[in-house]
């Protein structure tokens, strides 16, 4: 399942070499939502794995980012106990440029002295 979310980068963690063949790097973004004049803030922790670990290098804490990610879940059993884990696996990170409204320009130039039919 692929999703994306926009938020403010609040923390970047160091890369972890989990074993000989697997490495990961985690980061956290702050996401705010608004409902009935109330603000709700969530802190979402993502992981980058393998060759994606360096994707976060070009972003500074405090910057606004758009994170594309997959939602994954695992079942783990040990000693008769079952546990479930969720992971937010980021695979692309972009700058979230200023979302101000820009004027639309369709490229059509209408001469001032020409009578147009509308």
PDB file of N, CA and C in Angstrom:
ATOM      1  N   UNK A   1       0.845  -1.174   0.000  1.00  0.00           N
ATOM      2  CA  UNK A   1       0.000   0.000   0.000  1.00  0.00           C
ATOM      3  C   UNK A   1       0.888   1.235   0.000  1.00  0.00           C
ATOM      4  N   UNK A   2       0.688   2.117  -0.953  1.00  0.00           N
ATOM      5  CA  UNK A   2       1.504   3.318  -1.076  1.00  0.00           C
ATOM      6  C   UNK A   2       0.714   4.553  -0.640  1.00  0.00           C
ATOM      7  N   UNK A   3       1.360   5.401   0.160  1.00  0.00           N
ATOM      8  CA  UNK A   3       0.747   6.613   0.685  1.00  0.00           C
ATOM      9  C   UNK A   3       1.751   7.752   0.603  1.00  0.00           C
ATOM     10  N   UNK A   4       1.268   8.973   0.858  1.00  0.00           N
ATOM     11  CA  UNK A   4       2.187  10.091   1.047  1.00  0.00           C
ATOM     12  C   UNK A   4       1.605  11.024   2.101  1.00  0.00           C
ATOM     13  N   UNK A   5       2.506  11.769   2.753  1.00  0.00           N
ATOM     14  CA  UNK A   5       2.108  12.686   3.808  1.00  0.00           C
ATOM     15  C   UNK A   5       3.083  13.861   3.810  1.00  0.00           C
ATOM     16  N   UNK A   6       2.572  15.030   4.168  1.00  0.00           N
ATOM     17  CA  UNK A   6       3.398  16.231   4.259  1.00  0.00           C
ATOM     18  C   UNK A   6       3.524  16.613   5.722  1.00  0.00           C
ATOM     19  N   UNK A   7       4.736  16.931   6.137  1.00  0.00           N
ATOM     20  CA  UNK A   7       4.964  17.332   7.514  1.00  0.00           C
ATOM     21  C   UNK A   7       6.307  18.008   7.683  1.00  0.00           C
ATOM     22  N   UNK A   8       6.610  18.368   8.921  1.00  0.00           N
ATOM     23  CA  UNK A   8       7.866  19.039   9.244  1.00  0.00           C
ATOM     24  C   UNK A   8       8.844  18.014   9.812  1.00  0.00           C
ATOM     25  N   UNK A   9      10.038  17.979   9.253  1.00  0.00           N
ATOM     26  CA  UNK A   9      11.076  17.062   9.721  1.00  0.00           C
ATOM     27  C   UNK A   9      11.547  17.507  11.098  1.00  0.00           C
ATOM     28  N   UNK A  10      11.399  16.638  12.108  1.00  0.00           N
ATOM     29  CA  UNK A  10      11.787  17.010  13.471  1.00  0.00           C
ATOM     30  C   UNK A  10      13.006  16.259  13.982  1.00  0.00           C
ATOM     31  N   UNK A  11      13.320  15.107  13.398  1.00  0.00           N
ATOM     32  CA  UNK A  11      14.496  14.374  13.868  1.00  0.00           C
ATOM     33  C   UNK A  11      14.974  13.382  12.816  1.00  0.00           C
ATOM     34  N   UNK A  12      16.306  13.279  12.720  1.00  0.00           N
ATOM     35  CA  UNK A  12      16.949  12.288  11.849  1.00  0.00           C
ATOM     36  C   UNK A  12      17.875  11.461  12.730  1.00  0.00           C
ATOM     37  N   UNK A  13      17.799  10.155  12.583  1.00  0.00           N
ATOM     38  CA  UNK A  13      18.642   9.260  13.367  1.00  0.00           C
ATOM     39  C   UNK A  13      19.776   8.727  12.501  1.00  0.00           C
ATOM     40  N   UNK A  14      20.814   8.230  13.145  1.00  0.00           N
ATOM     41  CA  UNK A  14      21.946   7.648  12.433  1.00  0.00           C
ATOM     42  C   UNK A  14      21.547   6.324  11.795  1.00  0.00           C
ATOM     43  N   UNK A  15      22.261   5.977  10.755  1.00  0.00           N
ATOM     44  CA  UNK A  15      22.059   4.691  10.084  1.00  0.00           C
ATOM     45  C   UNK A  15      22.443   3.557  11.034  1.00  0.00           C
ATOM     46  N   UNK A  16      21.651   2.482  11.015  1.00  0.00           N
ATOM     47  CA  UNK A  16      21.915   1.303  11.847  1.00  0.00           C
ATOM     48  C   UNK A  16      22.181   0.104  10.947  1.00  0.00           C
ATOM     49  N   UNK A  17      23.276  -0.577  11.189  1.00  0.00           N
ATOM     50  CA  UNK A  17      23.566  -1.826  10.487  1.00  0.00           C
ATOM     51  C   UNK A  17      22.973  -2.935  11.346  1.00  0.00           C
ATOM     52  N   UNK A  18      21.787  -3.417  11.011  1.00  0.00           N
ATOM     53  CA  UNK A  18      21.059  -4.388  11.828  1.00  0.00           C
ATOM     54  C   UNK A  18      21.745  -5.748  11.800  1.00  0.00           C
ATOM     55  N   UNK A  19      22.164  -6.184  10.619  1.00  0.00           N
ATOM     56  CA  UNK A  19      22.958  -7.409  10.485  1.00  0.00           C
ATOM     57  C   UNK A  19      23.827  -7.268   9.235  1.00  0.00           C
ATOM     58  N   UNK A  20      24.474  -8.337   8.824  1.00  0.00           N
ATOM     59  CA  UNK A  20      25.396  -8.255   7.686  1.00  0.00           C
ATOM     60  C   UNK A  20      24.732  -7.815   6.384  1.00  0.00           C
ATOM     61  N   UNK A  21      23.446  -8.085   6.254  1.00  0.00           N
ATOM     62  CA  UNK A  21      22.776  -7.816   4.981  1.00  0.00           C
ATOM     63  C   UNK A  21      21.665  -6.769   5.064  1.00  0.00           C
ATOM     64  N   UNK A  22      21.445  -6.174   6.232  1.00  0.00           N
ATOM     65  CA  UNK A  22      20.324  -5.240   6.374  1.00  0.00           C
ATOM     66  C   UNK A  22      20.732  -4.004   7.163  1.00  0.00           C
ATOM     67  N   UNK A  23      20.437  -2.833   6.576  1.00  0.00           N
ATOM     68  CA  UNK A  23      20.658  -1.571   7.286  1.00  0.00           C
ATOM     69  C   UNK A  23      19.421  -0.701   7.149  1.00  0.00           C
ATOM     70  N   UNK A  24      19.232   0.185   8.137  1.00  0.00           N
ATOM     71  CA  UNK A  24      18.079   1.075   8.115  1.00  0.00           C
ATOM     72  C   UNK A  24      18.443   2.413   8.750  1.00  0.00           C
ATOM     73  N   UNK A  25      17.631   3.414   8.440  1.00  0.00           N
ATOM     74  CA  UNK A  25      17.782   4.733   9.046  1.00  0.00           C
ATOM     75  C   UNK A  25      16.383   5.271   9.294  1.00  0.00           C
ATOM     76  N   UNK A  26      16.172   5.831  10.471  1.00  0.00           N
ATOM     77  CA  UNK A  26      14.848   6.314  10.840  1.00  0.00           C
ATOM     78  C   UNK A  26      14.829   7.837  10.926  1.00  0.00           C
ATOM     79  N   UNK A  27      13.637   8.400  10.723  1.00  0.00           N
ATOM     80  CA  UNK A  27      13.429   9.836  10.882  1.00  0.00           C
ATOM     81  C   UNK A  27      11.983  10.075  11.296  1.00  0.00           C
ATOM     82  N   UNK A  28      11.716  11.257  11.851  1.00  0.00           N
ATOM     83  CA  UNK A  28      10.396  11.587  12.383  1.00  0.00           C
ATOM     84  C   UNK A  28       9.916  12.890  11.760  1.00  0.00           C
ATOM     85  N   UNK A  29       8.637  12.905  11.372  1.00  0.00           N
ATOM     86  CA  UNK A  29       8.021  14.153  10.927  1.00  0.00           C
ATOM     87  C   UNK A  29       6.818  14.466  11.817  1.00  0.00           C
ATOM     88  N   UNK A  30       6.542  15.747  11.934  1.00  0.00           N
ATOM     89  CA  UNK A  30       5.391  16.232  12.692  1.00  0.00           C
ATOM     90  C   UNK A  30       4.284  16.573  11.704  1.00  0.00           C
ATOM     91  N   UNK A  31       3.105  16.020  11.948  1.00  0.00           N
ATOM     92  CA  UNK A  31       1.957  16.234  11.070  1.00  0.00           C
ATOM     93  C   UNK A  31       0.815  16.776  11.918  1.00  0.00           C
ATOM     94  N   UNK A  32       0.215  17.864  11.466  1.00  0.00           N
ATOM     95  CA  UNK A  32      -0.909  18.453  12.194  1.00  0.00           C
ATOM     96  C   UNK A  32      -2.180  18.307  11.381  1.00  0.00           C
ATOM     97  N   UNK A  33      -3.264  18.015  12.076  1.00  0.00           N
ATOM     98  CA  UNK A  33      -4.574  17.962  11.426  1.00  0.00           C
ATOM     99  C   UNK A  33      -5.531  18.821  12.242  1.00  0.00           C
ATOM    100  N   UNK A  34      -6.564  19.301  11.578  1.00  0.00           N
ATOM    101  CA  UNK A  34      -7.487  20.231  12.210  1.00  0.00           C
ATOM    102  C   UNK A  34      -8.894  19.656  12.136  1.00  0.00           C
ATOM    103  N   UNK A  35      -9.621  19.755  13.266  1.00  0.00           N
ATOM    104  CA  UNK A  35     -10.968  19.220  13.329  1.00  0.00           C
ATOM    105  C   UNK A  35     -11.761  20.043  14.333  1.00  0.00           C
ATOM    106  N   UNK A  36     -12.831  20.671  13.878  1.00  0.00           N
ATOM    107  CA  UNK A  36     -13.705  21.457  14.754  1.00  0.00           C
ATOM    108  C   UNK A  36     -12.927  22.444  15.614  1.00  0.00           C
ATOM    109  N   UNK A  37     -12.096  23.239  14.986  1.00  0.00           N
ATOM    110  CA  UNK A  37     -11.300  24.284  15.645  1.00  0.00           C
ATOM    111  C   UNK A  37     -10.266  23.726  16.621  1.00  0.00           C
ATOM    112  N   UNK A  38      -9.970  22.451  16.545  1.00  0.00           N
ATOM    113  CA  UNK A  38      -8.930  21.845  17.379  1.00  0.00           C
ATOM    114  C   UNK A  38      -7.793  21.376  16.484  1.00  0.00           C
ATOM    115  N   UNK A  39      -6.586  21.456  17.013  1.00  0.00           N
ATOM    116  CA  UNK A  39      -5.414  20.997  16.279  1.00  0.00           C
ATOM    117  C   UNK A  39      -4.895  19.726  16.930  1.00  0.00           C
ATOM    118  N   UNK A  40      -4.644  18.725  16.121  1.00  0.00           N
ATOM    119  CA  UNK A  40      -4.091  17.464  16.600  1.00  0.00           C
ATOM    120  C   UNK A  40      -2.728  17.266  15.947  1.00  0.00           C
ATOM    121  N   UNK A  41      -1.731  17.012  16.757  1.00  0.00           N
ATOM    122  CA  UNK A  41      -0.378  16.835  16.244  1.00  0.00           C
ATOM    123  C   UNK A  41       0.057  15.394  16.436  1.00  0.00           C
ATOM    124  N   UNK A  42       0.584  14.811  15.373  1.00  0.00           N
ATOM    125  CA  UNK A  42       1.122  13.453  15.422  1.00  0.00           C
ATOM    126  C   UNK A  42       2.588  13.500  15.029  1.00  0.00           C
ATOM    127  N   UNK A  43       3.365  12.604  15.602  1.00  0.00           N
ATOM    128  CA  UNK A  43       4.765  12.443  15.254  1.00  0.00           C
ATOM    129  C   UNK A  43       4.915  11.059  14.639  1.00  0.00           C
ATOM    130  N   UNK A  44       5.227  11.020  13.348  1.00  0.00           N
ATOM    131  CA  UNK A  44       5.295   9.768  12.601  1.00  0.00           C
ATOM    132  C   UNK A  44       6.747   9.379  12.372  1.00  0.00           C
ATOM    133  N   UNK A  45       7.084   8.158  12.761  1.00  0.00           N
ATOM    134  CA  UNK A  45       8.450   7.658  12.607  1.00  0.00           C
ATOM    135  C   UNK A  45       8.507   6.745  11.388  1.00  0.00           C
ATOM    136  N   UNK A  46       9.375   7.096  10.450  1.00  0.00           N
ATOM    137  CA  UNK A  46       9.553   6.342   9.216  1.00  0.00           C
ATOM    138  C   UNK A  46      10.901   5.653   9.236  1.00  0.00           C
ATOM    139  N   UNK A  47      11.025   4.639   8.386  1.00  0.00           N
ATOM    140  CA  UNK A  47      12.331   4.019   8.204  1.00  0.00           C
ATOM    141  C   UNK A  47      12.687   4.002   6.725  1.00  0.00           C
ATOM    142  N   UNK A  48      13.979   4.199   6.480  1.00  0.00           N
ATOM    143  CA  UNK A  48      14.567   4.045   5.153  1.00  0.00           C
ATOM    144  C   UNK A  48      15.431   2.805   5.228  1.00  0.00           C
ATOM    145  N   UNK A  49      15.386   1.949   4.222  1.00  0.00           N
ATOM    146  CA  UNK A  49      16.165   0.710   4.283  1.00  0.00           C
ATOM    147  C   UNK A  49      17.093   0.581   3.078  1.00  0.00           C
ATOM    148  N   UNK A  50      18.190  -0.131   3.328  1.00  0.00           N
ATOM    149  CA  UNK A  50      19.181  -0.473   2.314  1.00  0.00           C
ATOM    150  C   UNK A  50      19.688   0.767   1.566  1.00  0.00           C
ATOM    151  N   UNK A  51      19.561   0.789   0.243  1.00  0.00           N
ATOM    152  CA  UNK A  51      20.106   1.891  -0.556  1.00  0.00           C
ATOM    153  C   UNK A  51      19.313   3.189  -0.414  1.00  0.00           C
ATOM    154  N   UNK A  52      18.205   3.182   0.298  1.00  0.00           N
ATOM    155  CA  UNK A  52      17.393   4.386   0.506  1.00  0.00           C
ATOM    156  C   UNK A  52      17.835   5.187   1.736  1.00  0.00           C
ATOM    157  N   UNK A  53      18.764   4.661   2.536  1.00  0.00           N
ATOM    158  CA  UNK A  53      19.161   5.304   3.798  1.00  0.00           C
ATOM    159  C   UNK A  53      19.646   6.736   3.622  1.00  0.00           C
ATOM    160  N   UNK A  54      20.249   7.047   2.505  1.00  0.00           N
ATOM    161  CA  UNK A  54      20.812   8.383   2.286  1.00  0.00           C
ATOM    162  C   UNK A  54      19.777   9.401   1.805  1.00  0.00           C
ATOM    163  N   UNK A  55      18.554   8.985   1.535  1.00  0.00           N
ATOM    164  CA  UNK A  55      17.547   9.909   1.010  1.00  0.00           C
ATOM    165  C   UNK A  55      17.304  11.107   1.926  1.00  0.00           C
ATOM    166  N   UNK A  56      17.463  10.939   3.220  1.00  0.00           N
ATOM    167  CA  UNK A  56      17.164  11.999   4.182  1.00  0.00           C
ATOM    168  C   UNK A  56      18.323  12.983   4.341  1.00  0.00           C
ATOM    169  N   UNK A  57      19.495  12.650   3.809  1.00  0.00           N
ATOM    170  CA  UNK A  57      20.690  13.481   3.994  1.00  0.00           C
ATOM    171  C   UNK A  57      20.516  14.922   3.523  1.00  0.00           C
ATOM    172  N   UNK A  58      19.795  15.140   2.457  1.00  0.00           N
ATOM    173  CA  UNK A  58      19.669  16.477   1.872  1.00  0.00           C
ATOM    174  C   UNK A  58      18.610  17.351   2.537  1.00  0.00           C
ATOM    175  N   UNK A  59      18.011  16.884   3.620  1.00  0.00           N
ATOM    176  CA  UNK A  59      16.946  17.631   4.276  1.00  0.00           C
ATOM    177  C   UNK A  59      17.373  18.018   5.687  1.00  0.00           C
ATOM    178  N   UNK A  60      17.042  19.245   6.068  1.00  0.00           N
ATOM    179  CA  UNK A  60      17.397  19.762   7.386  1.00  0.00           C
ATOM    180  C   UNK A  60      16.217  19.645   8.334  1.00  0.00           C
ATOM    181  N   UNK A  61      16.526  19.428   9.605  1.00  0.00           N
ATOM    182  CA  UNK A  61      15.485  19.437  10.628  1.00  0.00           C
ATOM    183  C   UNK A  61      14.786  20.793  10.566  1.00  0.00           C
ATOM    184  N   UNK A  62      13.457  20.770  10.596  1.00  0.00           N
ATOM    185  CA  UNK A  62      12.662  21.988  10.498  1.00  0.00           C
ATOM    186  C   UNK A  62      12.092  22.234   9.116  1.00  0.00           C
ATOM    187  N   UNK A  63      12.609  21.532   8.109  1.00  0.00           N
ATOM    188  CA  UNK A  63      12.104  21.743   6.751  1.00  0.00           C
ATOM    189  C   UNK A  63      10.808  20.966   6.530  1.00  0.00           C
ATOM    190  N   UNK A  64       9.998  21.467   5.615  1.00  0.00           N
ATOM    191  CA  UNK A  64       8.742  20.817   5.269  1.00  0.00           C
ATOM    192  C   UNK A  64       9.011  19.803   4.163  1.00  0.00           C
ATOM    193  N   UNK A  65       8.565  18.570   4.369  1.00  0.00           N
ATOM    194  CA  UNK A  65       8.846  17.493   3.422  1.00  0.00           C
ATOM    195  C   UNK A  65       7.573  16.731   3.068  1.00  0.00           C
ATOM    196  N   UNK A  66       7.606  16.133   1.897  1.00  0.00           N
ATOM    197  CA  UNK A  66       6.552  15.209   1.474  1.00  0.00           C
ATOM    198  C   UNK A  66       7.192  13.831   1.414  1.00  0.00           C
ATOM    199  N   UNK A  67       6.650  12.900   2.184  1.00  0.00           N
ATOM    200  CA  UNK A  67       7.202  11.552   2.284  1.00  0.00           C
ATOM    201  C   UNK A  67       6.261  10.577   1.587  1.00  0.00           C
ATOM    202  N   UNK A  68       6.801   9.816   0.651  1.00  0.00           N
ATOM    203  CA  UNK A  68       6.068   8.735  -0.008  1.00  0.00           C
ATOM    204  C   UNK A  68       6.496   7.451   0.694  1.00  0.00           C
ATOM    205  N   UNK A  69       5.525   6.628   1.069  1.00  0.00           N
ATOM    206  CA  UNK A  69       5.869   5.458   1.873  1.00  0.00           C
ATOM    207  C   UNK A  69       4.899   4.311   1.643  1.00  0.00           C
ATOM    208  N   UNK A  70       5.342   3.136   2.038  1.00  0.00           N
ATOM    209  CA  UNK A  70       4.504   1.943   2.049  1.00  0.00           C
ATOM    210  C   UNK A  70       4.199   1.594   3.496  1.00  0.00           C
ATOM    211  N   UNK A  71       2.991   1.166   3.739  1.00  0.00           N
ATOM    212  CA  UNK A  71       2.569   0.719   5.057  1.00  0.00           C
ATOM    213  C   UNK A  71       2.714  -0.792   5.094  1.00  0.00           C
ATOM    214  N   UNK A  72       3.509  -1.281   6.042  1.00  0.00           N
ATOM    215  CA  UNK A  72       3.743  -2.719   6.149  1.00  0.00           C
ATOM    216  C   UNK A  72       3.448  -3.189   7.562  1.00  0.00           C
ATOM    217  N   UNK A  73       3.080  -4.439   7.685  1.00  0.00           N
ATOM    218  CA  UNK A  73       2.804  -5.026   8.991  1.00  0.00           C
ATOM    219  C   UNK A  73       3.338  -6.442   9.068  1.00  0.00           C
ATOM    220  N   UNK A  74       3.746  -6.827  10.250  1.00  0.00           N
ATOM    221  CA  UNK A  74       4.307  -8.165  10.462  1.00  0.00           C
ATOM    222  C   UNK A  74       3.679  -8.806  11.700  1.00  0.00           C
ATOM    223  N   UNK A  75       3.593 -10.111  11.640  1.00  0.00           N
ATOM    224  CA  UNK A  75       3.151 -10.910  12.777  1.00  0.00           C
ATOM    225  C   UNK A  75       4.374 -11.638  13.314  1.00  0.00           C
ATOM    226  N   UNK A  76       4.547 -11.621  14.633  1.00  0.00           N
ATOM    227  CA  UNK A  76       5.700 -12.256  15.258  1.00  0.00           C
ATOM    228  C   UNK A  76       5.222 -13.089  16.438  1.00  0.00           C
ATOM    229  N   UNK A  77       5.652 -14.353  16.482  1.00  0.00           N
ATOM    230  CA  UNK A  77       5.258 -15.253  17.563  1.00  0.00           C
ATOM    231  C   UNK A  77       6.486 -15.772  18.285  1.00  0.00           C
ATOM    232  N   UNK A  78       6.405 -15.770  19.622  1.00  0.00           N
ATOM    233  CA  UNK A  78       7.484 -16.312  20.437  1.00  0.00           C
ATOM    234  C   UNK A  78       6.898 -16.779  21.761  1.00  0.00           C
ATOM    235  N   UNK A  79       7.243 -17.994  22.138  1.00  0.00           N
ATOM    236  CA  UNK A  79       6.792 -18.576  23.409  1.00  0.00           C
ATOM    237  C   UNK A  79       5.275 -18.507  23.574  1.00  0.00           C
ATOM    238  N   UNK A  80       4.549 -18.743  22.503  1.00  0.00           N
ATOM    239  CA  UNK A  80       3.093 -18.751  22.563  1.00  0.00           C
ATOM    240  C   UNK A  80       2.451 -17.376  22.540  1.00  0.00           C
ATOM    241  N   UNK A  81       3.240 -16.338  22.493  1.00  0.00           N
ATOM    242  CA  UNK A  81       2.704 -14.972  22.429  1.00  0.00           C
ATOM    243  C   UNK A  81       2.800 -14.448  21.000  1.00  0.00           C
ATOM    244  N   UNK A  82       1.739 -13.804  20.568  1.00  0.00           N
ATOM    245  CA  UNK A  82       1.709 -13.220  19.235  1.00  0.00           C
ATOM    246  C   UNK A  82       1.726 -11.704  19.351  1.00  0.00           C
ATOM    247  N   UNK A  83       2.600 -11.096  18.554  1.00  0.00           N
ATOM    248  CA  UNK A  83       2.678  -9.634  18.521  1.00  0.00           C
ATOM    249  C   UNK A  83       2.596  -9.178  17.071  1.00  0.00           C
ATOM    250  N   UNK A  84       2.120  -7.959  16.874  1.00  0.00           N
ATOM    251  CA  UNK A  84       1.998  -7.381  15.546  1.00  0.00           C
ATOM    252  C   UNK A  84       2.766  -6.063  15.501  1.00  0.00           C
ATOM    253  N   UNK A  85       3.439  -5.823  14.391  1.00  0.00           N
ATOM    254  CA  UNK A  85       4.235  -4.619  14.210  1.00  0.00           C
ATOM    255  C   UNK A  85       3.852  -3.941  12.906  1.00  0.00           C
ATOM    256  N   UNK A  86       3.863  -2.627  12.924  1.00  0.00           N
ATOM    257  CA  UNK A  86       3.646  -1.833  11.715  1.00  0.00           C
ATOM    258  C   UNK A  86       4.913  -1.061  11.394  1.00  0.00           C
ATOM    259  N   UNK A  87       5.195  -0.901  10.116  1.00  0.00           N
ATOM    260  CA  UNK A  87       6.335  -0.116   9.671  1.00  0.00           C
ATOM    261  C   UNK A  87       5.871   0.859   8.595  1.00  0.00           C
ATOM    262  N   UNK A  88       6.441   2.053   8.632  1.00  0.00           N
ATOM    263  CA  UNK A  88       6.226   3.042   7.587  1.00  0.00           C
ATOM    264  C   UNK A  88       7.528   3.118   6.804  1.00  0.00           C
ATOM    265  N   UNK A  89       7.569   2.429   5.670  1.00  0.00           N
ATOM    266  CA  UNK A  89       8.789   2.338   4.855  1.00  0.00           C
ATOM    267  C   UNK A  89       8.804   3.439   3.802  1.00  0.00           C
ATOM    268  N   UNK A  90       9.614   4.462   4.047  1.00  0.00           N
ATOM    269  CA  UNK A  90       9.726   5.575   3.099  1.00  0.00           C
ATOM    270  C   UNK A  90      10.555   5.145   1.900  1.00  0.00           C
ATOM    271  N   UNK A  91      10.154   5.581   0.718  1.00  0.00           N
ATOM    272  CA  UNK A  91      10.906   5.252  -0.490  1.00  0.00           C
ATOM    273  C   UNK A  91      11.194   6.479  -1.350  1.00  0.00           C
ATOM    274  N   UNK A  92      10.605   7.623  -0.973  1.00  0.00           N
ATOM    275  CA  UNK A  92      10.889   8.878  -1.670  1.00  0.00           C
ATOM    276  C   UNK A  92      10.597  10.035  -0.721  1.00  0.00           C
ATOM    277  N   UNK A  93      11.466  11.056  -0.737  1.00  0.00           N
ATOM    278  CA  UNK A  93      11.274  12.250   0.083  1.00  0.00           C
ATOM    279  C   UNK A  93      11.489  13.462  -0.816  1.00  0.00           C
ATOM    280  N   UNK A  94      10.563  14.418  -0.724  1.00  0.00           N
ATOM    281  CA  UNK A  94      10.639  15.625  -1.545  1.00  0.00           C
ATOM    282  C   UNK A  94      10.512  16.858  -0.658  1.00  0.00           C
ATOM    283  N   UNK A  95      11.085  17.977  -1.125  1.00  0.00           N
ATOM    284  CA  UNK A  95      10.812  19.256  -0.482  1.00  0.00           C
ATOM    285  C   UNK A  95       9.353  19.582  -0.705  1.00  0.00           C
ATOM    286  N   UNK A  96       8.686  20.048   0.326  1.00  0.00           N
ATOM    287  CA  UNK A  96       7.325  20.534   0.152  1.00  0.00           C
ATOM    288  C   UNK A  96       7.429  22.033  -0.053  1.00  0.00           C
ATOM    289  N   UNK A  97       7.408  22.448  -1.303  1.00  0.00           N
ATOM    290  CA  UNK A  97       7.552  23.866  -1.613  1.00  0.00           C
ATOM    291  C   UNK A  97       6.361  24.636  -1.087  1.00  0.00           C
ATOM    292  N   UNK A  98       6.525  25.930  -0.967  1.00  0.00           N
ATOM    293  CA  UNK A  98       5.480  26.804  -0.452  1.00  0.00           C
ATOM    294  C   UNK A  98       4.176  26.540  -1.197  1.00  0.00           C
ATOM    295  N   UNK A  99       3.130  26.300  -0.450  1.00  0.00           N
ATOM    296  CA  UNK A  99       1.851  25.933  -1.048  1.00  0.00           C
ATOM    297  C   UNK A  99       0.975  27.134  -1.385  1.00  0.00           C
ATOM    298  N   UNK A 100       1.583  28.337  -1.479  1.00  0.00           N
ATOM    299  CA  UNK A 100       0.784  29.509  -1.814  1.00  0.00           C
ATOM    300  C   UNK A 100       0.183  29.364  -3.214  1.00  0.00           C
ATOM    301  N   UNK A 101      -0.932  30.014  -3.429  1.00  0.00           N
ATOM    302  CA  UNK A 101      -1.604  29.955  -4.723  1.00  0.00           C
ATOM    303  C   UNK A 101      -0.852  30.824  -5.718  1.00  0.00           C
ATOM    304  N   UNK A 102      -0.552  30.269  -6.841  1.00  0.00           N
ATOM    305  CA  UNK A 102       0.127  31.003  -7.898  1.00  0.00           C
ATOM    306  C   UNK A 102      -0.882  31.308  -8.999  1.00  0.00           C
ATOM    307  N   UNK A 103      -0.749  32.467  -9.639  1.00  0.00           N
ATOM    308  CA  UNK A 103      -1.702  32.795 -10.709  1.00  0.00           C
ATOM    309  C   UNK A 103      -1.575  31.821 -11.871  1.00  0.00           C
ATOM    310  N   UNK A 104      -2.696  31.500 -12.452  1.00  0.00           N
ATOM    311  CA  UNK A 104      -2.737  30.585 -13.583  1.00  0.00           C
ATOM    312  C   UNK A 104      -2.315  31.326 -14.841  1.00  0.00           C
ATOM    313  N   UNK A 105      -1.450  30.743 -15.627  1.00  0.00           N
ATOM    314  CA  UNK A 105      -1.012  31.333 -16.890  1.00  0.00           C
ATOM    315  C   UNK A 105      -1.163  30.275 -17.970  1.00  0.00           C
ATOM    316  N   UNK A 106      -2.142  30.481 -18.857  1.00  0.00           N
ATOM    317  CA  UNK A 106      -2.364  29.497 -19.917  1.00  0.00           C
ATOM    318  C   UNK A 106      -1.548  29.797 -21.168  1.00  0.00           C
ATOM    319  N   UNK A 107      -0.796  30.910 -21.174  1.00  0.00           N
ATOM    320  CA  UNK A 107       0.073  31.234 -22.296  1.00  0.00           C
ATOM    321  C   UNK A 107      -0.615  31.926 -23.455  1.00  0.00           C
ATOM    322  N   UNK A 108      -1.911  32.156 -23.376  1.00  0.00           N
ATOM    323  CA  UNK A 108      -2.645  32.797 -24.462  1.00  0.00           C
ATOM    324  C   UNK A 108      -2.599  34.310 -24.269  1.00  0.00           C
ATOM    325  N   UNK A 109      -2.189  35.010 -25.315  1.00  0.00           N
ATOM    326  CA  UNK A 109      -2.135  36.471 -25.268  1.00  0.00           C
ATOM    327  C   UNK A 109      -3.245  37.014 -26.156  1.00  0.00           C
ATOM    328  N   UNK A 110      -4.117  37.833 -25.582  1.00  0.00           N
ATOM    329  CA  UNK A 110      -5.213  38.437 -26.334  1.00  0.00           C
ATOM    330  C   UNK A 110      -4.889  39.916 -26.510  1.00  0.00           C
ATOM    331  N   UNK A 111      -4.774  40.378 -27.762  1.00  0.00           N
ATOM    332  CA  UNK A 111      -4.508  41.806 -27.996  1.00  0.00           C
ATOM    333  C   UNK A 111      -5.627  42.665 -27.423  1.00  0.00           C
ATOM    334  N   UNK A 112      -5.261  43.833 -26.892  1.00  0.00           N
ATOM    335  CA  UNK A 112      -6.238  44.709 -26.246  1.00  0.00           C
ATOM    336  C   UNK A 112      -7.302  45.215 -27.207  1.00  0.00           C
ATOM    337  N   UNK A 113      -6.941  45.432 -28.459  1.00  0.00           N
ATOM    338  CA  UNK A 113      -7.901  45.990 -29.413  1.00  0.00           C
ATOM    339  C   UNK A 113      -8.748  44.935 -30.116  1.00  0.00           C
ATOM    340  N   UNK A 114      -8.554  43.683 -29.798  1.00  0.00           N
ATOM    341  CA  UNK A 114      -9.317  42.622 -30.458  1.00  0.00           C
ATOM    342  C   UNK A 114     -10.577  42.334 -29.661  1.00  0.00           C
ATOM    343  N   UNK A 115     -11.704  42.284 -30.364  1.00  0.00           N
ATOM    344  CA  UNK A 115     -12.975  41.989 -29.733  1.00  0.00           C
ATOM    345  C   UNK A 115     -13.111  40.468 -29.618  1.00  0.00           C
ATOM    346  N   UNK A 116     -13.176  39.984 -28.405  1.00  0.00           N
ATOM    347  CA  UNK A 116     -13.298  38.538 -28.205  1.00  0.00           C
ATOM    348  C   UNK A 116     -14.755  38.181 -27.970  1.00  0.00           C
ATOM    349  N   UNK A 117     -15.184  36.968 -28.311  1.00  0.00           N
ATOM    350  CA  UNK A 117     -16.600  36.595 -28.261  1.00  0.00           C
ATOM    351  C   UNK A 117     -17.126  36.275 -26.866  1.00  0.00           C
ATOM    352  N   UNK A 118     -16.460  36.640 -25.831  1.00  0.00           N
ATOM    353  CA  UNK A 118     -16.986  36.353 -24.488  1.00  0.00           C
ATOM    354  C   UNK A 118     -16.779  37.499 -23.556  1.00  0.00           C
TER     355      UNK A 118
END
